[in-house]
C-alpha atoms as a PDB file:
ATOM      1  CA  MET A   1     238.476  53.364  41.742  1.00  0.00           C
ATOM      2  CA  ASP A   2     241.369  54.057  39.360  1.00  0.00           C
ATOM      3  CA  VAL A   3     243.223  57.276  40.020  1.00  0.00           C
ATOM      4  CA  SER A   4     245.592  59.172  37.764  1.00  0.00           C
ATOM      5  CA  THR A   5     248.353  59.611  40.323  1.00  0.00           C
ATOM      6  CA  GLU A   6     250.122  62.166  38.161  1.00  0.00           C
ATOM      7  CA  HIS A   7     247.520  64.881  38.862  1.00  0.00           C
ATOM      8  CA  ILE A   8     244.950  63.485  41.310  1.00  0.00           C
ATOM      9  CA  GLU A   9     245.302  62.129  44.836  1.00  0.00           C
ATOM     10  CA  ILE A  10     242.725  60.685  47.189  1.00  0.00           C
ATOM     11  CA  VAL A  11     242.831  62.103  50.714  1.00  0.00           C
ATOM     12  CA  GLU A  12     240.872  61.169  53.785  1.00  0.00           C
ATOM     13  CA  GLY A  13     238.456  63.793  54.936  1.00  0.00           C
ATOM     14  CA  ALA A  14     235.213  64.312  56.746  1.00  0.00           C
ATOM     15  CA  ARG A  15     232.641  61.834  55.427  1.00  0.00           C
ATOM     16  CA  GLY A  16     235.249  59.735  53.617  1.00  0.00           C
ATOM     17  CA  PRO A  17     237.955  60.000  50.984  1.00  0.00           C
ATOM     18  CA  LYS A  18     237.977  62.883  48.521  1.00  0.00           C
ATOM     19  CA  PRO A  19     239.808  63.300  45.222  1.00  0.00           C
ATOM     20  CA  ARG A  20     241.798  66.501  44.836  1.00  0.00           C
ATOM     21  CA  ILE A  21     244.497  67.977  42.640  1.00  0.00           C
ATOM     22  CA  LYS A  22     247.760  66.523  43.863  1.00  0.00           C
ATOM     23  CA  GLY A  23     249.720  68.768  46.217  1.00  0.00           C
ATOM     24  CA  THR A  24     246.879  71.260  46.667  1.00  0.00           C
ATOM     25  CA  GLY A  25     243.786  71.599  48.791  1.00  0.00           C
ATOM     26  CA  ILE A  26     241.672  71.944  45.652  1.00  0.00           C
ATOM     27  CA  ARG A  27     239.084  69.181  45.408  1.00  0.00           C
ATOM     28  CA  VAL A  28     237.693  67.749  42.185  1.00  0.00           C
ATOM     29  CA  LEU A  29     234.337  69.001  43.499  1.00  0.00           C
ATOM     30  CA  ASP A  30     235.697  72.573  43.565  1.00  0.00           C
ATOM     31  CA  VAL A  31     236.904  72.393  39.960  1.00  0.00           C
ATOM     32  CA  VAL A  32     233.609  70.871  38.788  1.00  0.00           C
ATOM     33  CA  ASN A  33     231.661  73.636  40.525  1.00  0.00           C
ATOM     34  CA  TRP A  34     233.774  76.385  38.992  1.00  0.00           C
ATOM     35  CA  TYR A  35     233.837  74.881  35.508  1.00  0.00           C
ATOM     36  CA  HIS A  36     230.344  73.403  35.119  1.00  0.00           C
ATOM     37  CA  HIS A  37     228.177  75.339  37.543  1.00  0.00           C
ATOM     38  CA  MET A  38     229.817  78.774  37.505  1.00  0.00           C
ATOM     39  CA  GLY A  39     230.873  78.579  33.866  1.00  0.00           C
ATOM     40  CA  TRP A  40     234.521  79.474  34.459  1.00  0.00           C
ATOM     41  CA  SER A  41     237.023  78.515  31.777  1.00  0.00           C
ATOM     42  CA  VAL A  42     240.294  76.805  32.614  1.00  0.00           C
ATOM     43  CA  SER A  43     241.962  80.201  32.089  1.00  0.00           C
ATOM     44  CA  GLN A  44     239.623  81.857  34.601  1.00  0.00           C
ATOM     45  CA  ILE A  45     240.315  79.141  37.169  1.00  0.00           C
ATOM     46  CA  LEU A  46     244.051  79.686  36.654  1.00  0.00           C
ATOM     47  CA  GLU A  47     243.621  83.440  37.151  1.00  0.00           C
ATOM     48  CA  GLU A  48     241.849  82.863  40.466  1.00  0.00           C
ATOM     49  CA  PHE A  49     244.185  80.064  41.591  1.00  0.00           C
ATOM     50  CA  PRO A  50     247.591  80.674  39.974  1.00  0.00           C
ATOM     51  CA  HIS A  51     249.202  77.853  41.958  1.00  0.00           C
ATOM     52  CA  LEU A  52     247.230  75.359  39.834  1.00  0.00           C
ATOM     53  CA  THR A  53     248.309  74.106  36.417  1.00  0.00           C
ATOM     54  CA  PRO A  54     246.220  73.532  33.286  1.00  0.00           C
ATOM     55  CA  ALA A  55     247.130  69.835  33.527  1.00  0.00           C
ATOM     56  CA  GLY A  56     245.890  69.663  37.128  1.00  0.00           C
ATOM     57  CA  ILE A  57     242.580  71.304  36.237  1.00  0.00           C
ATOM     58  CA  HIS A  58     242.076  69.084  33.197  1.00  0.00           C
ATOM     59  CA  GLY A  59     243.083  66.086  35.318  1.00  0.00           C
ATOM     60  CA  ALA A  60     240.376  66.963  37.837  1.00  0.00           C
ATOM     61  CA  LEU A  61     237.775  67.293  35.081  1.00  0.00           C
ATOM     62  CA  ALA A  62     238.877  64.008  33.503  1.00  0.00           C
ATOM     63  CA  TYR A  63     238.667  62.298  36.881  1.00  0.00           C
ATOM     64  CA  TYR A  64     235.151  63.679  37.305  1.00  0.00           C
ATOM     65  CA  TRP A  65     233.996  62.360  33.931  1.00  0.00           C
ATOM     66  CA  ASP A  66     235.610  58.974  34.586  1.00  0.00           C
ATOM     67  CA  HIS A  67     233.786  58.684  37.950  1.00  0.00           C
ATOM     68  CA  LYS A  68     230.774  60.936  37.379  1.00  0.00           C
ATOM     69  CA  ASP A  69     227.999  58.655  38.679  1.00  0.00           C
ATOM     70  CA  GLU A  70     229.940  57.665  41.792  1.00  0.00           C
ATOM     71  CA  LEU A  71     230.969  61.264  42.587  1.00  0.00           C
ATOM     72  CA  GLU A  72     227.500  62.724  41.971  1.00  0.00           C
ATOM     73  CA  ALA A  73     225.964  60.113  44.295  1.00  0.00           C
ATOM     74  CA  LYS A  74     228.576  60.826  46.996  1.00  0.00           C
ATOM     75  CA  TRP A  75     228.114  64.592  46.731  1.00  0.00           C
ATOM     76  CA  ALA A  76     224.309  64.255  46.887  1.00  0.00           C
ATOM     77  CA  ALA A  77     224.603  62.029  49.980  1.00  0.00           C
ATOM     78  CA  ASP A  78     226.967  64.548  51.603  1.00  0.00           C
ATOM     79  CA  ASP A  79     224.560  67.409  50.881  1.00  0.00           C
ATOM     80  CA  ALA A  80     221.645  65.424  52.320  1.00  0.00           C
ATOM     81  CA  TRP A  81     223.673  64.653  55.445  1.00  0.00           C
ATOM     82  CA  VAL A  82     224.500  68.354  55.939  1.00  0.00           C
ATOM     83  CA  GLN A  83     220.841  69.309  55.531  1.00  0.00           C
ATOM     84  CA  GLU A  84     219.815  66.647  58.040  1.00  0.00           C
ATOM     85  CA  MET A  85     222.410  67.828  60.564  1.00  0.00           C
ATOM     86  CA  MET A  86     221.265  71.419  60.140  1.00  0.00           C
ATOM     87  CA  ARG A  87     217.679  70.402  60.885  1.00  0.00           C
ATOM     88  CA  HIS A  88     218.745  68.931  64.228  1.00  0.00           C
ATOM     89  CA  GLU A  89     221.122  71.700  65.313  1.00  0.00           C
ATOM     90  CA  PRO A  90     219.824  74.816  67.044  1.00  0.00           C
ATOM     91  CA  PRO A  91     220.242  77.891  64.838  1.00  0.00           C
ATOM     92  CA  SER A  92     223.459  79.829  65.283  1.00  0.00           C
ATOM     93  CA  LYS A  93     223.409  83.426  66.500  1.00  0.00           C
ATOM     94  CA  LEU A  94     224.138  84.599  62.948  1.00  0.00           C
ATOM     95  CA  ARG A  95     221.313  82.514  61.519  1.00  0.00           C
ATOM     96  CA  LYS A  96     218.878  83.863  64.127  1.00  0.00           C
ATOM     97  CA  MET A  97     219.943  87.428  63.349  1.00  0.00           C
ATOM     98  CA  LEU A  98     219.487  86.917  59.598  1.00  0.00           C
ATOM     99  CA  GLU A  99     216.059  85.356  60.099  1.00  0.00           C
ATOM    100  CA  GLN A 100     215.018  88.299  62.294  1.00  0.00           C
ATOM    101  CA  ARG A 101     216.154  90.784  59.654  1.00  0.00           C
ATOM    102  CA  ARG A 102     214.169  88.934  56.975  1.00  0.00           C
ATOM    103  CA  GLN A 103     211.032  89.080  59.113  1.00  0.00           C
ATOM    104  CA  VAL A 104     211.443  92.812  59.758  1.00  0.00           C
ATOM    105  CA  GLY A 105     212.166  93.716  56.125  1.00  0.00           C
END
């Protein structure tokens, strides 16, 4: 996997390495969600996260498009793993409370 080391770094994390904007905790996944799924512009992302740069945001989007199939497969596998773990874990107190409120209302 080629990485633009000027704006993107790969860091180890839970469930394997993750690309993020260099020097930040902002993952490529975060930028993709804000830009593609929430419809935020680069300017809106900068307003919410002023420590980022336009180059870093564009670098994250470029990295996504360069590795789209691989990233989408990884993210889908991670989501499936979380869902599977949630099925096997007893509900938290908060989850139980929310379920009770839904049943009452």
